[in-house]
C-alpha atoms as a PDB file:
ATOM      1  CA  MET A   1      17.467 -13.765  22.637  1.00  0.00           C
ATOM      2  CA  ALA A   2      17.903  -9.392  22.870  1.00  0.00           C
ATOM      3  CA  ASP A   3      15.958  -9.571  19.605  1.00  0.00           C
ATOM      4  CA  ASP A   4      13.184 -10.806  20.915  1.00  0.00           C
ATOM      5  CA  ILE A   5      13.119  -9.195  23.783  1.00  0.00           C
ATOM      6  CA  GLU A   6      13.334  -5.945  21.784  1.00  0.00           C
ATOM      7  CA  ASP A   7      10.318  -7.036  19.592  1.00  0.00           C
ATOM      8  CA  LYS A   8       8.219  -7.789  22.130  1.00  0.00           C
ATOM      9  CA  ILE A   9       8.682  -4.798  23.464  1.00  0.00           C
ATOM     10  CA  LYS A  10       8.053  -2.958  20.243  1.00  0.00           C
ATOM     11  CA  LYS A  11       5.082  -4.902  19.692  1.00  0.00           C
ATOM     12  CA  MET A  12       3.761  -3.457  23.581  1.00  0.00           C
ATOM     13  CA  ALA A  13       4.709   0.073  22.809  1.00  0.00           C
ATOM     14  CA  ASP A  14       2.689  -0.152  19.493  1.00  0.00           C
ATOM     15  CA  VAL A  15       0.166  -1.660  21.477  1.00  0.00           C
ATOM     16  CA  ARG A  16      -0.194   0.912  24.074  1.00  0.00           C
ATOM     17  CA  THR A  17       0.224   3.653  21.813  1.00  0.00           C
ATOM     18  CA  LEU A  18      -3.063   2.437  19.864  1.00  0.00           C
ATOM     19  CA  VAL A  19      -4.715   2.338  22.787  1.00  0.00           C
ATOM     20  CA  LEU A  20      -3.691   5.764  23.997  1.00  0.00           C
ATOM     21  CA  THR A  21      -4.332   7.197  20.564  1.00  0.00           C
ATOM     22  CA  SER A  22      -7.840   5.564  20.758  1.00  0.00           C
ATOM     23  CA  ILE A  23      -8.873   6.777  24.528  1.00  0.00           C
ATOM     24  CA  ILE A  24      -7.621  10.544  23.377  1.00  0.00           C
ATOM     25  CA  SER A  25      -9.571  10.329  20.729  1.00  0.00           C
ATOM     26  CA  ALA A  26     -12.640   9.366  22.176  1.00  0.00           C
ATOM     27  CA  LEU A  27     -12.084  12.365  24.784  1.00  0.00           C
ATOM     28  CA  ALA A  28     -11.726  14.698  21.826  1.00  0.00           C
ATOM     29  CA  LEU A  29     -15.121  13.691  20.666  1.00  0.00           C
ATOM     30  CA  VAL A  30     -16.603  14.415  23.804  1.00  0.00           C
ATOM     31  CA  VAL A  31     -15.211  17.750  24.250  1.00  0.00           C
ATOM     32  CA  GLY A  32     -16.194  18.075  20.230  1.00  0.00           C
ATOM     33  CA  LEU A  33     -19.439  17.469  20.836  1.00  0.00           C
ATOM     34  CA  PHE A  34     -20.113  19.954  23.946  1.00  0.00           C
ATOM     35  CA  TRP A  35     -18.316  22.704  21.540  1.00  0.00           C
ATOM     36  CA  ASN A  36     -20.816  22.061  18.926  1.00  0.00           C
ATOM     37  CA  GLU A  37     -23.761  22.650  21.788  1.00  0.00           C
ATOM     38  CA  ALA A  38     -21.936  25.438  22.620  1.00  0.00           C
ATOM     39  CA  ILE A  39     -21.131  27.168  19.329  1.00  0.00           C
ATOM     40  CA  LYS A  40     -24.799  26.584  18.200  1.00  0.00           C
ATOM     41  CA  ALA A  41     -26.304  28.250  21.540  1.00  0.00           C
ATOM     42  CA  ALA A  42     -23.678  31.183  20.342  1.00  0.00           C
ATOM     43  CA  ILE A  43     -24.689  31.230  17.106  1.00  0.00           C
ATOM     44  CA  ASP A  44     -28.547  31.018  17.885  1.00  0.00           C
ATOM     45  CA  GLU A  45     -27.875  34.062  20.899  1.00  0.00           C
ATOM     46  CA  ILE A  46     -25.512  36.316  18.214  1.00  0.00           C
ATOM     47  CA  VAL A  47     -26.789  35.981  14.698  1.00  0.00           C
ATOM     48  CA  PRO A  48     -30.600  37.482  13.697  1.00  0.00           C
ATOM     49  CA  GLN A  49     -33.383  35.120  13.225  1.00  0.00           C
ATOM     50  CA  GLY A  50     -33.537  33.732   9.453  1.00  0.00           C
ATOM     51  CA  GLU A  51     -29.563  34.557   9.122  1.00  0.00           C
ATOM     52  CA  GLY A  52     -28.247  31.345  11.057  1.00  0.00           C
ATOM     53  CA  LEU A  53     -27.467  29.042   8.227  1.00  0.00           C
ATOM     54  CA  PHE A  54     -25.111  31.467   6.660  1.00  0.00           C
ATOM     55  CA  TYR A  55     -23.105  32.070  10.121  1.00  0.00           C
ATOM     56  CA  LYS A  56     -23.141  28.234  10.759  1.00  0.00           C
ATOM     57  CA  PHE A  57     -21.355  27.562   7.707  1.00  0.00           C
ATOM     58  CA  LEU A  58     -19.083  30.256   8.426  1.00  0.00           C
ATOM     59  CA  ALA A  59     -18.462  28.862  11.534  1.00  0.00           C
ATOM     60  CA  ALA A  60     -17.829  25.509  10.096  1.00  0.00           C
ATOM     61  CA  MET A  61     -15.363  26.680   7.662  1.00  0.00           C
ATOM     62  CA  ILE A  62     -13.499  28.299  10.478  1.00  0.00           C
ATOM     63  CA  VAL A  63     -13.462  25.572  13.195  1.00  0.00           C
ATOM     64  CA  THR A  64     -12.148  23.729  10.018  1.00  0.00           C
ATOM     65  CA  PHE A  65      -9.234  25.699   9.215  1.00  0.00           C
ATOM     66  CA  VAL A  66      -8.138  26.041  12.431  1.00  0.00           C
ATOM     67  CA  VAL A  67      -8.514  22.048  13.071  1.00  0.00           C
ATOM     68  CA  VAL A  68      -6.242  21.503   9.951  1.00  0.00           C
ATOM     69  CA  VAL A  69      -3.942  24.196  10.908  1.00  0.00           C
ATOM     70  CA  ILE A  70      -3.399  22.256  14.386  1.00  0.00           C
ATOM     71  CA  ILE A  71      -3.395  18.721  12.756  1.00  0.00           C
ATOM     72  CA  TYR A  72      -0.896  19.727  10.758  1.00  0.00           C
ATOM     73  CA  VAL A  73       1.429  21.744  13.242  1.00  0.00           C
ATOM     74  CA  ILE A  74       1.444  18.118  15.462  1.00  0.00           C
ATOM     75  CA  VAL A  75       2.302  15.994  12.184  1.00  0.00           C
ATOM     76  CA  HIS A  76       4.720  18.222  11.335  1.00  0.00           C
ATOM     77  CA  SER A  77       6.474  17.881  15.061  1.00  0.00           C
ATOM     78  CA  GLN A  78       5.808  14.118  15.086  1.00  0.00           C
ATOM     79  CA  ARG A  79       7.797  14.392  11.880  1.00  0.00           C
ATOM     80  CA  ILE A  80      10.915  16.349  13.459  1.00  0.00           C
ATOM     81  CA  ALA A  81      10.879  14.179  16.273  1.00  0.00           C
ATOM     82  CA  GLU A  82      11.302  10.956  14.565  1.00  0.00           C
ATOM     83  CA  LYS A  83      13.822  12.297  12.709  1.00  0.00           C
ATOM     84  CA  ARG A  84      15.636  13.246  15.894  1.00  0.00           C
ATOM     85  CA  LEU A  85      15.006   9.910  17.677  1.00  0.00           C
ATOM     86  CA  GLY A  86      16.647   8.668  14.445  1.00  0.00           C
ATOM     87  CA  GLU A  87      19.769  10.728  15.073  1.00  0.00           C
ATOM     88  CA  ILE A  88      19.735   9.892  18.193  1.00  0.00           C
ATOM     89  CA  ARG A  89      19.425   6.489  17.671  1.00  0.00           C
ATOM     90  CA  LYS A  90      22.372   6.411  14.668  1.00  0.00           C
ATOM     91  CA  PHE A  91      24.571   8.286  17.622  1.00  0.00           C
ATOM     92  CA  ARG A  92      24.142   5.749  20.156  1.00  0.00           C
ATOM     93  CA  GLU A  93      24.562   3.105  17.589  1.00  0.00           C
ATOM     94  CA  LYS A  94      27.989   4.498  16.546  1.00  0.00           C
ATOM     95  CA  ARG A  95      29.173   5.339  19.846  1.00  0.00           C
ATOM     96  CA  LEU A  96      28.649   1.380  20.640  1.00  0.00           C
ATOM     97  CA  LEU A  97      30.009  -0.172  17.916  1.00  0.00           C
ATOM     98  CA  GLU A  98      33.114   2.307  18.855  1.00  0.00           C
ATOM     99  CA  THR A  99      33.417   1.630  22.312  1.00  0.00           C
ATOM    100  CA  ASN A 100      33.113  -2.132  20.998  1.00  0.00           C
ATOM    101  CA  LYS A 101      35.963  -1.864  18.649  1.00  0.00           C
ATOM    102  CA  ASN A 102      38.477  -0.424  21.804  1.00  0.00           C
ATOM    103  CA  VAL A 103      37.632  -3.608  24.219  1.00  0.00           C
END
């Protein structure tokens, strides 16, 4: 019975995570589109006529590098958090077993 409830809770958490991830992705796309327009306008203002293509590629490479670094940091921090949560779960289970033995 407890396992069924725990499975249902886990499935609900997975669905919730999926929905939240989708919403955050959609909002990130909106922000990205606004930044796209802002960067285009800035490049058009700063860069001399005729040389815009090079600077657009340069800006794209810089932004790509920054985004890759940010994604790496996020994924790495998630792995660390999952590892720590696993350690906490193991500790709690061990403590629960010790408590059950003493009772």
